Amino acid sequence: MALKRTQATVPSPVPAVGMIDTGASGSVIQQGMAARLSLNPVGVTSINTPSTTNLQCYEYVVRLIFPNNVIFETTAIEAPLQGQHIQCLVGRDVLAQGVFLYIGYTNLFSLSF
């Protein structure tokens, strides 16, 4: 929406494997993803990870598209996700808009908006 208001080009979607992270207050994109989308940072924030403290990261406005064409525009942090099979963490900024149910003994989950 913000890009359309300024008549800037909206980048084409980039498919990404994401992981739901109830421990993340905000969503995260993998380092390098913003460059692939030609995004410009809208801010800088400091985060703590299991291996670092006060890591400075750029923030970007992103649009996450889920199955059934559910779309969220949010501010995501670009951070290193090395050694993982994912390109995105879906944090509580998005999860707060829906219902997330995890059935541990079957290792299944349901996310609805």
PDB file of N, CA and C in Angstrom:
ATOM      1  N   MET A   1       0.815  -1.189   0.000  1.00  0.00           N
ATOM      2  CA  MET A   1       0.000   0.000   0.000  1.00  0.00           C
ATOM      3  C   MET A   1       0.868   1.266   0.000  1.00  0.00           C
ATOM      4  N   ALA A   2       1.922   1.270   0.835  1.00  0.00           N
ATOM      5  CA  ALA A   2       2.776   2.444   0.920  1.00  0.00           C
ATOM      6  C   ALA A   2       3.460   2.720  -0.415  1.00  0.00           C
ATOM      7  N   LEU A   3       3.901   1.666  -1.101  1.00  0.00           N
ATOM      8  CA  LEU A   3       4.555   1.855  -2.393  1.00  0.00           C
ATOM      9  C   LEU A   3       3.581   2.398  -3.424  1.00  0.00           C
ATOM     10  N   LYS A   4       2.361   1.894  -3.406  1.00  0.00           N
ATOM     11  CA  LYS A   4       1.367   2.363  -4.367  1.00  0.00           C
ATOM     12  C   LYS A   4       1.025   3.830  -4.146  1.00  0.00           C
ATOM     13  N   ARG A   5       0.995   4.260  -2.874  1.00  0.00           N
ATOM     14  CA  ARG A   5       0.692   5.669  -2.573  1.00  0.00           C
ATOM     15  C   ARG A   5       1.746   6.594  -3.161  1.00  0.00           C
ATOM     16  N   THR A   6       2.998   6.152  -3.168  1.00  0.00           N
ATOM     17  CA  THR A   6       4.083   6.977  -3.712  1.00  0.00           C
ATOM     18  C   THR A   6       4.337   6.672  -5.179  1.00  0.00           C
ATOM     19  N   GLN A   7       3.516   5.830  -5.761  1.00  0.00           N
ATOM     20  CA  GLN A   7       3.614   5.415  -7.156  1.00  0.00           C
ATOM     21  C   GLN A   7       4.937   4.713  -7.474  1.00  0.00           C
ATOM     22  N   ALA A   8       5.528   4.090  -6.457  1.00  0.00           N
ATOM     23  CA  ALA A   8       6.745   3.309  -6.660  1.00  0.00           C
ATOM     24  C   ALA A   8       6.366   1.929  -7.189  1.00  0.00           C
ATOM     25  N   THR A   9       7.304   1.273  -7.824  1.00  0.00           N
ATOM     26  CA  THR A   9       7.071  -0.060  -8.360  1.00  0.00           C
ATOM     27  C   THR A   9       6.982  -1.065  -7.218  1.00  0.00           C
ATOM     28  N   VAL A  10       5.939  -1.869  -7.238  1.00  0.00           N
ATOM     29  CA  VAL A  10       5.776  -2.930  -6.247  1.00  0.00           C
ATOM     30  C   VAL A  10       6.529  -4.154  -6.753  1.00  0.00           C
ATOM     31  N   PRO A  11       7.508  -4.659  -5.967  1.00  0.00           N
ATOM     32  CA  PRO A  11       8.285  -5.816  -6.421  1.00  0.00           C
ATOM     33  C   PRO A  11       7.393  -7.047  -6.597  1.00  0.00           C
ATOM     34  N   SER A  12       7.788  -7.912  -7.516  1.00  0.00           N
ATOM     35  CA  SER A  12       7.082  -9.179  -7.691  1.00  0.00           C
ATOM     36  C   SER A  12       7.314 -10.052  -6.458  1.00  0.00           C
ATOM     37  N   PRO A  13       6.332 -10.877  -6.117  1.00  0.00           N
ATOM     38  CA  PRO A  13       6.502 -11.757  -4.950  1.00  0.00           C
ATOM     39  C   PRO A  13       7.678 -12.719  -5.137  1.00  0.00           C
ATOM     40  N   VAL A  14       8.316 -13.045  -4.029  1.00  0.00           N
ATOM     41  CA  VAL A  14       9.398 -14.026  -4.007  1.00  0.00           C
ATOM     42  C   VAL A  14       8.953 -15.150  -3.078  1.00  0.00           C
ATOM     43  N   PRO A  15       8.807 -16.367  -3.591  1.00  0.00           N
ATOM     44  CA  PRO A  15       8.429 -17.482  -2.712  1.00  0.00           C
ATOM     45  C   PRO A  15       9.496 -17.703  -1.647  1.00  0.00           C
ATOM     46  N   ALA A  16       9.059 -17.986  -0.428  1.00  0.00           N
ATOM     47  CA  ALA A  16       9.989 -18.215   0.668  1.00  0.00           C
ATOM     48  C   ALA A  16       9.400 -19.251   1.618  1.00  0.00           C
ATOM     49  N   VAL A  17      10.272 -20.058   2.184  1.00  0.00           N
ATOM     50  CA  VAL A  17       9.860 -21.008   3.209  1.00  0.00           C
ATOM     51  C   VAL A  17       9.925 -20.286   4.543  1.00  0.00           C
ATOM     52  N   GLY A  18       8.826 -20.289   5.267  1.00  0.00           N
ATOM     53  CA  GLY A  18       8.770 -19.608   6.550  1.00  0.00           C
ATOM     54  C   GLY A  18       8.538 -20.570   7.694  1.00  0.00           C
ATOM     55  N   MET A  19       8.836 -20.086   8.886  1.00  0.00           N
ATOM     56  CA  MET A  19       8.600 -20.860  10.100  1.00  0.00           C
ATOM     57  C   MET A  19       7.845 -19.976  11.087  1.00  0.00           C
ATOM     58  N   ILE A  20       6.847 -20.537  11.714  1.00  0.00           N
ATOM     59  CA  ILE A  20       6.131 -19.816  12.754  1.00  0.00           C
ATOM     60  C   ILE A  20       7.004 -19.811  13.995  1.00  0.00           C
ATOM     61  N   ASP A  21       7.189 -18.626  14.579  1.00  0.00           N
ATOM     62  CA  ASP A  21       8.036 -18.492  15.761  1.00  0.00           C
ATOM     63  C   ASP A  21       7.287 -17.691  16.818  1.00  0.00           C
ATOM     64  N   THR A  22       6.669 -18.399  17.760  1.00  0.00           N
ATOM     65  CA  THR A  22       5.905 -17.726  18.823  1.00  0.00           C
ATOM     66  C   THR A  22       6.810 -16.986  19.791  1.00  0.00           C
ATOM     67  N   GLY A  23       8.113 -17.233  19.721  1.00  0.00           N
ATOM     68  CA  GLY A  23       9.057 -16.525  20.576  1.00  0.00           C
ATOM     69  C   GLY A  23       9.562 -15.230  19.965  1.00  0.00           C
ATOM     70  N   ALA A  24       9.227 -14.986  18.702  1.00  0.00           N
ATOM     71  CA  ALA A  24       9.667 -13.768  18.012  1.00  0.00           C
ATOM     72  C   ALA A  24       8.556 -12.725  18.088  1.00  0.00           C
ATOM     73  N   SER A  25       8.860 -11.572  18.627  1.00  0.00           N
ATOM     74  CA  SER A  25       7.834 -10.525  18.716  1.00  0.00           C
ATOM     75  C   SER A  25       7.492  -9.969  17.341  1.00  0.00           C
ATOM     76  N   GLY A  26       8.446 -10.011  16.427  1.00  0.00           N
ATOM     77  CA  GLY A  26       8.213  -9.515  15.073  1.00  0.00           C
ATOM     78  C   GLY A  26       8.676 -10.510  14.036  1.00  0.00           C
ATOM     79  N   SER A  27       8.257 -10.291  12.805  1.00  0.00           N
ATOM     80  CA  SER A  27       8.649 -11.171  11.702  1.00  0.00           C
ATOM     81  C   SER A  27      10.045 -10.813  11.215  1.00  0.00           C
ATOM     82  N   VAL A  28      10.714 -11.804  10.626  1.00  0.00           N
ATOM     83  CA  VAL A  28      12.103 -11.662  10.196  1.00  0.00           C
ATOM     84  C   VAL A  28      12.231 -12.199   8.770  1.00  0.00           C
ATOM     85  N   ILE A  29      13.017 -11.505   7.957  1.00  0.00           N
ATOM     86  CA  ILE A  29      13.385 -12.030   6.647  1.00  0.00           C
ATOM     87  C   ILE A  29      14.885 -12.290   6.646  1.00  0.00           C
ATOM     88  N   GLN A  30      15.285 -13.259   5.853  1.00  0.00           N
ATOM     89  CA  GLN A  30      16.689 -13.657   5.766  1.00  0.00           C
ATOM     90  C   GLN A  30      17.532 -12.549   5.142  1.00  0.00           C
ATOM     91  N   GLN A  31      18.751 -12.400   5.627  1.00  0.00           N
ATOM     92  CA  GLN A  31      19.669 -11.429   5.039  1.00  0.00           C
ATOM     93  C   GLN A  31      19.771 -11.664   3.547  1.00  0.00           C
ATOM     94  N   GLY A  32      19.687 -10.590   2.786  1.00  0.00           N
ATOM     95  CA  GLY A  32      19.763 -10.672   1.339  1.00  0.00           C
ATOM     96  C   GLY A  32      18.397 -10.652   0.665  1.00  0.00           C
ATOM     97  N   MET A  33      17.344 -10.987   1.399  1.00  0.00           N
ATOM     98  CA  MET A  33      15.993 -11.011   0.827  1.00  0.00           C
ATOM     99  C   MET A  33      15.552  -9.602   0.422  1.00  0.00           C
ATOM    100  N   ALA A  34      15.860  -8.604   1.205  1.00  0.00           N
ATOM    101  CA  ALA A  34      15.461  -7.225   0.879  1.00  0.00           C
ATOM    102  C   ALA A  34      16.117  -6.770  -0.427  1.00  0.00           C
ATOM    103  N   ALA A  35      17.375  -7.125  -0.622  1.00  0.00           N
ATOM    104  CA  ALA A  35      18.059  -6.755  -1.868  1.00  0.00           C
ATOM    105  C   ALA A  35      17.411  -7.444  -3.060  1.00  0.00           C
ATOM    106  N   ARG A  36      17.031  -8.720  -2.894  1.00  0.00           N
ATOM    107  CA  ARG A  36      16.357  -9.443  -3.985  1.00  0.00           C
ATOM    108  C   ARG A  36      15.050  -8.766  -4.369  1.00  0.00           C
ATOM    109  N   LEU A  37      14.406  -8.125  -3.394  1.00  0.00           N
ATOM    110  CA  LEU A  37      13.132  -7.449  -3.638  1.00  0.00           C
ATOM    111  C   LEU A  37      13.304  -5.959  -3.937  1.00  0.00           C
ATOM    112  N   SER A  38      14.546  -5.472  -3.927  1.00  0.00           N
ATOM    113  CA  SER A  38      14.843  -4.048  -4.132  1.00  0.00           C
ATOM    114  C   SER A  38      14.124  -3.163  -3.127  1.00  0.00           C
ATOM    115  N   LEU A  39      14.089  -3.598  -1.871  1.00  0.00           N
ATOM    116  CA  LEU A  39      13.441  -2.833  -0.811  1.00  0.00           C
ATOM    117  C   LEU A  39      14.414  -1.854  -0.176  1.00  0.00           C
ATOM    118  N   ASN A  40      13.897  -0.752   0.305  1.00  0.00           N
ATOM    119  CA  ASN A  40      14.687   0.231   1.034  1.00  0.00           C
ATOM    120  C   ASN A  40      14.335   0.152   2.512  1.00  0.00           C
ATOM    121  N   PRO A  41      15.326   0.256   3.385  1.00  0.00           N
ATOM    122  CA  PRO A  41      15.033   0.178   4.819  1.00  0.00           C
ATOM    123  C   PRO A  41      14.177   1.355   5.276  1.00  0.00           C
ATOM    124  N   VAL A  42      13.326   1.075   6.270  1.00  0.00           N
ATOM    125  CA  VAL A  42      12.493   2.123   6.862  1.00  0.00           C
ATOM    126  C   VAL A  42      12.928   2.433   8.288  1.00  0.00           C
ATOM    127  N   GLY A  43      13.906   1.685   8.785  1.00  0.00           N
ATOM    128  CA  GLY A  43      14.397   1.913  10.135  1.00  0.00           C
ATOM    129  C   GLY A  43      15.496   0.926  10.479  1.00  0.00           C
ATOM    130  N   VAL A  44      16.008   1.082  11.688  1.00  0.00           N
ATOM    131  CA  VAL A  44      17.029   0.191  12.225  1.00  0.00           C
ATOM    132  C   VAL A  44      16.601  -0.163  13.640  1.00  0.00           C
ATOM    133  N   THR A  45      16.817  -1.411  14.006  1.00  0.00           N
ATOM    134  CA  THR A  45      16.496  -1.839  15.364  1.00  0.00           C
ATOM    135  C   THR A  45      17.595  -2.751  15.881  1.00  0.00           C
ATOM    136  N   SER A  46      17.640  -2.915  17.157  1.00  0.00           N
ATOM    137  CA  SER A  46      18.617  -3.786  17.799  1.00  0.00           C
ATOM    138  C   SER A  46      17.881  -5.019  18.300  1.00  0.00           C
ATOM    139  N   ILE A  47      18.404  -6.210  17.987  1.00  0.00           N
ATOM    140  CA  ILE A  47      17.762  -7.448  18.431  1.00  0.00           C
ATOM    141  C   ILE A  47      18.752  -8.317  19.199  1.00  0.00           C
ATOM    142  N   ASN A  48      18.205  -9.246  19.950  1.00  0.00           N
ATOM    143  CA  ASN A  48      18.993 -10.266  20.633  1.00  0.00           C
ATOM    144  C   ASN A  48      18.606 -11.619  20.063  1.00  0.00           C
ATOM    145  N   THR A  49      19.604 -12.445  19.798  1.00  0.00           N
ATOM    146  CA  THR A  49      19.374 -13.806  19.310  1.00  0.00           C
ATOM    147  C   THR A  49      20.053 -14.755  20.290  1.00  0.00           C
ATOM    148  N   PRO A  50      19.874 -16.058  20.106  1.00  0.00           N
ATOM    149  CA  PRO A  50      20.567 -16.983  21.008  1.00  0.00           C
ATOM    150  C   PRO A  50      22.090 -16.838  20.985  1.00  0.00           C
ATOM    151  N   SER A  51      22.639 -16.315  19.879  1.00  0.00           N
ATOM    152  CA  SER A  51      24.100 -16.226  19.778  1.00  0.00           C
ATOM    153  C   SER A  51      24.642 -14.800  19.807  1.00  0.00           C
ATOM    154  N   THR A  52      23.789 -13.787  19.763  1.00  0.00           N
ATOM    155  CA  THR A  52      24.272 -12.401  19.762  1.00  0.00           C
ATOM    156  C   THR A  52      23.363 -11.505  20.609  1.00  0.00           C
ATOM    157  N   THR A  53      23.923 -10.380  21.028  1.00  0.00           N
ATOM    158  CA  THR A  53      23.121  -9.358  21.712  1.00  0.00           C
ATOM    159  C   THR A  53      23.346  -8.029  21.020  1.00  0.00           C
ATOM    160  N   ASN A  54      22.326  -7.204  21.035  1.00  0.00           N
ATOM    161  CA  ASN A  54      22.369  -5.870  20.433  1.00  0.00           C
ATOM    162  C   ASN A  54      22.838  -5.887  18.979  1.00  0.00           C
ATOM    163  N   LEU A  55      22.319  -6.818  18.206  1.00  0.00           N
ATOM    164  CA  LEU A  55      22.632  -6.909  16.782  1.00  0.00           C
ATOM    165  C   LEU A  55      21.797  -5.868  16.040  1.00  0.00           C
ATOM    166  N   GLN A  56      22.456  -4.948  15.344  1.00  0.00           N
ATOM    167  CA  GLN A  56      21.764  -3.906  14.589  1.00  0.00           C
ATOM    168  C   GLN A  56      21.232  -4.483  13.275  1.00  0.00           C
ATOM    169  N   CYS A  57      19.929  -4.324  13.036  1.00  0.00           N
ATOM    170  CA  CYS A  57      19.291  -4.875  11.841  1.00  0.00           C
ATOM    171  C   CYS A  57      18.399  -3.827  11.192  1.00  0.00           C
ATOM    172  N   TYR A  58      18.365  -3.844   9.868  1.00  0.00           N
ATOM    173  CA  TYR A  58      17.454  -2.967   9.138  1.00  0.00           C
ATOM    174  C   TYR A  58      16.036  -3.517   9.202  1.00  0.00           C
ATOM    175  N   GLU A  59      15.083  -2.603   9.140  1.00  0.00           N
ATOM    176  CA  GLU A  59      13.670  -2.949   9.093  1.00  0.00           C
ATOM    177  C   GLU A  59      13.121  -2.566   7.719  1.00  0.00           C
ATOM    178  N   TYR A  60      12.206  -3.390   7.217  1.00  0.00           N
ATOM    179  CA  TYR A  60      11.612  -3.175   5.896  1.00  0.00           C
ATOM    180  C   TYR A  60      10.107  -3.407   5.972  1.00  0.00           C
ATOM    181  N   VAL A  61       9.360  -2.663   5.194  1.00  0.00           N
ATOM    182  CA  VAL A  61       7.939  -2.943   5.049  1.00  0.00           C
ATOM    183  C   VAL A  61       7.814  -4.076   4.042  1.00  0.00           C
ATOM    184  N   VAL A  62       7.157  -5.159   4.453  1.00  0.00           N
ATOM    185  CA  VAL A  62       6.981  -6.325   3.590  1.00  0.00           C
ATOM    186  C   VAL A  62       5.514  -6.731   3.580  1.00  0.00           C
ATOM    187  N   ARG A  63       5.179  -7.473   2.576  1.00  0.00           N
ATOM    188  CA  ARG A  63       3.832  -8.037   2.473  1.00  0.00           C
ATOM    189  C   ARG A  63       3.986  -9.550   2.456  1.00  0.00           C
ATOM    190  N   LEU A  64       3.388 -10.207   3.440  1.00  0.00           N
ATOM    191  CA  LEU A  64       3.404 -11.660   3.522  1.00  0.00           C
ATOM    192  C   LEU A  64       2.094 -12.176   2.955  1.00  0.00           C
ATOM    193  N   ILE A  65       2.196 -13.121   2.017  1.00  0.00           N
ATOM    194  CA  ILE A  65       1.005 -13.686   1.384  1.00  0.00           C
ATOM    195  C   ILE A  65       0.910 -15.152   1.777  1.00  0.00           C
ATOM    196  N   PHE A  66      -0.175 -15.494   2.438  1.00  0.00           N
ATOM    197  CA  PHE A  66      -0.427 -16.858   2.891  1.00  0.00           C
ATOM    198  C   PHE A  66      -1.404 -17.545   1.935  1.00  0.00           C
ATOM    199  N   PRO A  67      -1.546 -18.873   2.080  1.00  0.00           N
ATOM    200  CA  PRO A  67      -2.552 -19.570   1.260  1.00  0.00           C
ATOM    201  C   PRO A  67      -3.932 -18.916   1.418  1.00  0.00           C
ATOM    202  N   ASN A  68      -4.774 -19.147   0.446  1.00  0.00           N
ATOM    203  CA  ASN A  68      -6.118 -18.550   0.383  1.00  0.00           C
ATOM    204  C   ASN A  68      -6.060 -17.035   0.251  1.00  0.00           C
ATOM    205  N   ASN A  69      -4.908 -16.530  -0.232  1.00  0.00           N
ATOM    206  CA  ASN A  69      -4.729 -15.101  -0.503  1.00  0.00           C
ATOM    207  C   ASN A  69      -4.893 -14.216   0.737  1.00  0.00           C
ATOM    208  N   VAL A  70      -4.483 -14.707   1.889  1.00  0.00           N
ATOM    209  CA  VAL A  70      -4.456 -13.911   3.111  1.00  0.00           C
ATOM    210  C   VAL A  70      -3.172 -13.090   3.076  1.00  0.00           C
ATOM    211  N   ILE A  71      -3.310 -11.767   3.168  1.00  0.00           N
ATOM    212  CA  ILE A  71      -2.170 -10.865   2.999  1.00  0.00           C
ATOM    213  C   ILE A  71      -1.991  -9.997   4.239  1.00  0.00           C
ATOM    214  N   PHE A  72      -0.748  -9.902   4.702  1.00  0.00           N
ATOM    215  CA  PHE A  72      -0.400  -9.022   5.815  1.00  0.00           C
ATOM    216  C   PHE A  72       0.725  -8.101   5.392  1.00  0.00           C
ATOM    217  N   GLU A  73       0.578  -6.827   5.654  1.00  0.00           N
ATOM    218  CA  GLU A  73       1.671  -5.880   5.483  1.00  0.00           C
ATOM    219  C   GLU A  73       2.201  -5.587   6.875  1.00  0.00           C
ATOM    220  N   THR A  74       3.501  -5.759   7.041  1.00  0.00           N
ATOM    221  CA  THR A  74       4.112  -5.579   8.345  1.00  0.00           C
ATOM    222  C   THR A  74       5.535  -5.069   8.173  1.00  0.00           C
ATOM    223  N   THR A  75       6.151  -4.688   9.257  1.00  0.00           N
ATOM    224  CA  THR A  75       7.562  -4.317   9.242  1.00  0.00           C
ATOM    225  C   THR A  75       8.352  -5.528   9.691  1.00  0.00           C
ATOM    226  N   ALA A  76       9.250  -5.996   8.837  1.00  0.00           N
ATOM    227  CA  ALA A  76      10.072  -7.166   9.148  1.00  0.00           C
ATOM    228  C   ALA A  76      11.523  -6.747   9.319  1.00  0.00           C
ATOM    229  N   ILE A  77      12.199  -7.453  10.163  1.00  0.00           N
ATOM    230  CA  ILE A  77      13.619  -7.236  10.416  1.00  0.00           C
ATOM    231  C   ILE A  77      14.404  -8.154   9.488  1.00  0.00           C
ATOM    232  N   GLU A  78      15.457  -7.638   8.880  1.00  0.00           N
ATOM    233  CA  GLU A  78      16.344  -8.481   8.078  1.00  0.00           C
ATOM    234  C   GLU A  78      17.490  -8.926   8.983  1.00  0.00           C
ATOM    235  N   ALA A  79      17.574 -10.239   9.201  1.00  0.00           N
ATOM    236  CA  ALA A  79      18.576 -10.775  10.124  1.00  0.00           C
ATOM    237  C   ALA A  79      19.148 -12.077   9.569  1.00  0.00           C
ATOM    238  N   PRO A  80      20.329 -12.454  10.050  1.00  0.00           N
ATOM    239  CA  PRO A  80      20.925 -13.700   9.579  1.00  0.00           C
ATOM    240  C   PRO A  80      20.107 -14.911  10.039  1.00  0.00           C
ATOM    241  N   LEU A  81      19.814 -15.787   9.109  1.00  0.00           N
ATOM    242  CA  LEU A  81      19.140 -17.055   9.419  1.00  0.00           C
ATOM    243  C   LEU A  81      19.981 -18.201   8.864  1.00  0.00           C
ATOM    244  N   GLN A  82      21.308 -18.075   9.006  1.00  0.00           N
ATOM    245  CA  GLN A  82      22.215 -19.061   8.437  1.00  0.00           C
ATOM    246  C   GLN A  82      21.989 -20.439   9.051  1.00  0.00           C
ATOM    247  N   GLY A  83      22.271 -21.444   8.241  1.00  0.00           N
ATOM    248  CA  GLY A  83      22.192 -22.808   8.718  1.00  0.00           C
ATOM    249  C   GLY A  83      20.776 -23.317   8.912  1.00  0.00           C
ATOM    250  N   GLN A  84      19.813 -22.570   8.413  1.00  0.00           N
ATOM    251  CA  GLN A  84      18.422 -22.982   8.560  1.00  0.00           C
ATOM    252  C   GLN A  84      17.814 -23.174   7.178  1.00  0.00           C
ATOM    253  N   HIS A  85      16.756 -23.926   7.114  1.00  0.00           N
ATOM    254  CA  HIS A  85      16.088 -24.219   5.843  1.00  0.00           C
ATOM    255  C   HIS A  85      14.975 -23.218   5.535  1.00  0.00           C
ATOM    256  N   ILE A  86      15.003 -22.079   6.192  1.00  0.00           N
ATOM    257  CA  ILE A  86      13.934 -21.096   6.047  1.00  0.00           C
ATOM    258  C   ILE A  86      14.485 -19.764   5.561  1.00  0.00           C
ATOM    259  N   GLN A  87      13.600 -18.940   5.011  1.00  0.00           N
ATOM    260  CA  GLN A  87      13.962 -17.588   4.592  1.00  0.00           C
ATOM    261  C   GLN A  87      13.161 -16.534   5.351  1.00  0.00           C
ATOM    262  N   CYS A  88      12.266 -16.985   6.235  1.00  0.00           N
ATOM    263  CA  CYS A  88      11.374 -16.049   6.924  1.00  0.00           C
ATOM    264  C   CYS A  88      10.908 -16.650   8.246  1.00  0.00           C
ATOM    265  N   LEU A  89      10.822 -15.815   9.267  1.00  0.00           N
ATOM    266  CA  LEU A  89      10.164 -16.183  10.518  1.00  0.00           C
ATOM    267  C   LEU A  89       8.869 -15.385  10.605  1.00  0.00           C
ATOM    268  N   VAL A  90       7.778 -16.051  10.873  1.00  0.00           N
ATOM    269  CA  VAL A  90       6.491 -15.378  11.078  1.00  0.00           C
ATOM    270  C   VAL A  90       6.338 -15.198  12.574  1.00  0.00           C
ATOM    271  N   GLY A  91       6.392 -13.939  13.024  1.00  0.00           N
ATOM    272  CA  GLY A  91       6.368 -13.633  14.449  1.00  0.00           C
ATOM    273  C   GLY A  91       4.987 -13.264  14.963  1.00  0.00           C
ATOM    274  N   ARG A  92       4.971 -12.855  16.233  1.00  0.00           N
ATOM    275  CA  ARG A  92       3.700 -12.527  16.891  1.00  0.00           C
ATOM    276  C   ARG A  92       3.033 -11.297  16.313  1.00  0.00           C
ATOM    277  N   ASP A  93       3.755 -10.454  15.567  1.00  0.00           N
ATOM    278  CA  ASP A  93       3.109  -9.307  14.920  1.00  0.00           C
ATOM    279  C   ASP A  93       2.039  -9.785  13.949  1.00  0.00           C
ATOM    280  N   VAL A  94       2.263 -10.905  13.293  1.00  0.00           N
ATOM    281  CA  VAL A  94       1.287 -11.494  12.364  1.00  0.00           C
ATOM    282  C   VAL A  94       0.364 -12.458  13.105  1.00  0.00           C
ATOM    283  N   LEU A  95       0.933 -13.304  13.964  1.00  0.00           N
ATOM    284  CA  LEU A  95       0.127 -14.291  14.686  1.00  0.00           C
ATOM    285  C   LEU A  95      -0.964 -13.642  15.540  1.00  0.00           C
ATOM    286  N   ALA A  96      -0.728 -12.438  16.010  1.00  0.00           N
ATOM    287  CA  ALA A  96      -1.719 -11.736  16.844  1.00  0.00           C
ATOM    288  C   ALA A  96      -3.002 -11.425  16.081  1.00  0.00           C
ATOM    289  N   GLN A  97      -2.959 -11.522  14.762  1.00  0.00           N
ATOM    290  CA  GLN A  97      -4.132 -11.221  13.943  1.00  0.00           C
ATOM    291  C   GLN A  97      -4.993 -12.457  13.676  1.00  0.00           C
ATOM    292  N   GLY A  98      -4.596 -13.615  14.187  1.00  0.00           N
ATOM    293  CA  GLY A  98      -5.327 -14.842  13.888  1.00  0.00           C
ATOM    294  C   GLY A  98      -5.383 -15.772  15.074  1.00  0.00           C
ATOM    295  N   VAL A  99      -5.683 -17.032  14.790  1.00  0.00           N
ATOM    296  CA  VAL A  99      -5.747 -18.084  15.793  1.00  0.00           C
ATOM    297  C   VAL A  99      -4.738 -19.155  15.396  1.00  0.00           C
ATOM    298  N   PHE A 100      -3.802 -19.421  16.294  1.00  0.00           N
ATOM    299  CA  PHE A 100      -2.775 -20.425  16.064  1.00  0.00           C
ATOM    300  C   PHE A 100      -2.986 -21.557  17.057  1.00  0.00           C
ATOM    301  N   LEU A 101      -3.133 -22.763  16.557  1.00  0.00           N
ATOM    302  CA  LEU A 101      -3.351 -23.932  17.391  1.00  0.00           C
ATOM    303  C   LEU A 101      -2.281 -24.961  17.065  1.00  0.00           C
ATOM    304  N   TYR A 102      -1.525 -25.380  18.086  1.00  0.00           N
ATOM    305  CA  TYR A 102      -0.490 -26.387  17.900  1.00  0.00           C
ATOM    306  C   TYR A 102      -0.878 -27.638  18.667  1.00  0.00           C
ATOM    307  N   ILE A 103      -0.907 -28.762  17.984  1.00  0.00           N
ATOM    308  CA  ILE A 103      -1.231 -30.042  18.608  1.00  0.00           C
ATOM    309  C   ILE A 103       0.075 -30.822  18.699  1.00  0.00           C
ATOM    310  N   GLY A 104       0.727 -30.700  19.824  1.00  0.00           N
ATOM    311  CA  GLY A 104       2.074 -31.221  20.005  1.00  0.00           C
ATOM    312  C   GLY A 104       2.219 -32.704  19.790  1.00  0.00           C
ATOM    313  N   TYR A 105       1.324 -33.510  20.322  1.00  0.00           N
ATOM    314  CA  TYR A 105       1.499 -34.960  20.234  1.00  0.00           C
ATOM    315  C   TYR A 105       1.352 -35.492  18.816  1.00  0.00           C
ATOM    316  N   THR A 106       0.766 -34.706  17.898  1.00  0.00           N
ATOM    317  CA  THR A 106       0.689 -35.117  16.493  1.00  0.00           C
ATOM    318  C   THR A 106       1.597 -34.278  15.599  1.00  0.00           C
ATOM    319  N   ASN A 107       2.253 -33.266  16.195  1.00  0.00           N
ATOM    320  CA  ASN A 107       3.136 -32.356  15.473  1.00  0.00           C
ATOM    321  C   ASN A 107       2.422 -31.666  14.307  1.00  0.00           C
ATOM    322  N   LEU A 108       1.186 -31.251  14.549  1.00  0.00           N
ATOM    323  CA  LEU A 108       0.377 -30.542  13.566  1.00  0.00           C
ATOM    324  C   LEU A 108      -0.018 -29.179  14.129  1.00  0.00           C
ATOM    325  N   PHE A 109      -0.279 -28.242  13.212  1.00  0.00           N
ATOM    326  CA  PHE A 109      -0.757 -26.946  13.660  1.00  0.00           C
ATOM    327  C   PHE A 109      -1.826 -26.444  12.703  1.00  0.00           C
ATOM    328  N   SER A 110      -2.577 -25.466  13.193  1.00  0.00           N
ATOM    329  CA  SER A 110      -3.588 -24.795  12.381  1.00  0.00           C
ATOM    330  C   SER A 110      -3.421 -23.295  12.607  1.00  0.00           C
ATOM    331  N   LEU A 111      -3.435 -22.544  11.532  1.00  0.00           N
ATOM    332  CA  LEU A 111      -3.355 -21.091  11.611  1.00  0.00           C
ATOM    333  C   LEU A 111      -4.487 -20.531  10.770  1.00  0.00           C
ATOM    334  N   SER A 112      -5.368 -19.786  11.391  1.00  0.00           N
ATOM    335  CA  SER A 112      -6.492 -19.211  10.650  1.00  0.00           C
ATOM    336  C   SER A 112      -6.607 -17.727  10.954  1.00  0.00           C
ATOM    337  N   PHE A 113      -7.090 -17.001   9.961  1.00  0.00           N
ATOM    338  CA  PHE A 113      -7.259 -15.557  10.083  1.00  0.00           C
ATOM    339  C   PHE A 113      -8.701 -15.189   9.791  1.00  0.00           C
TER     340      PHE A 113
END
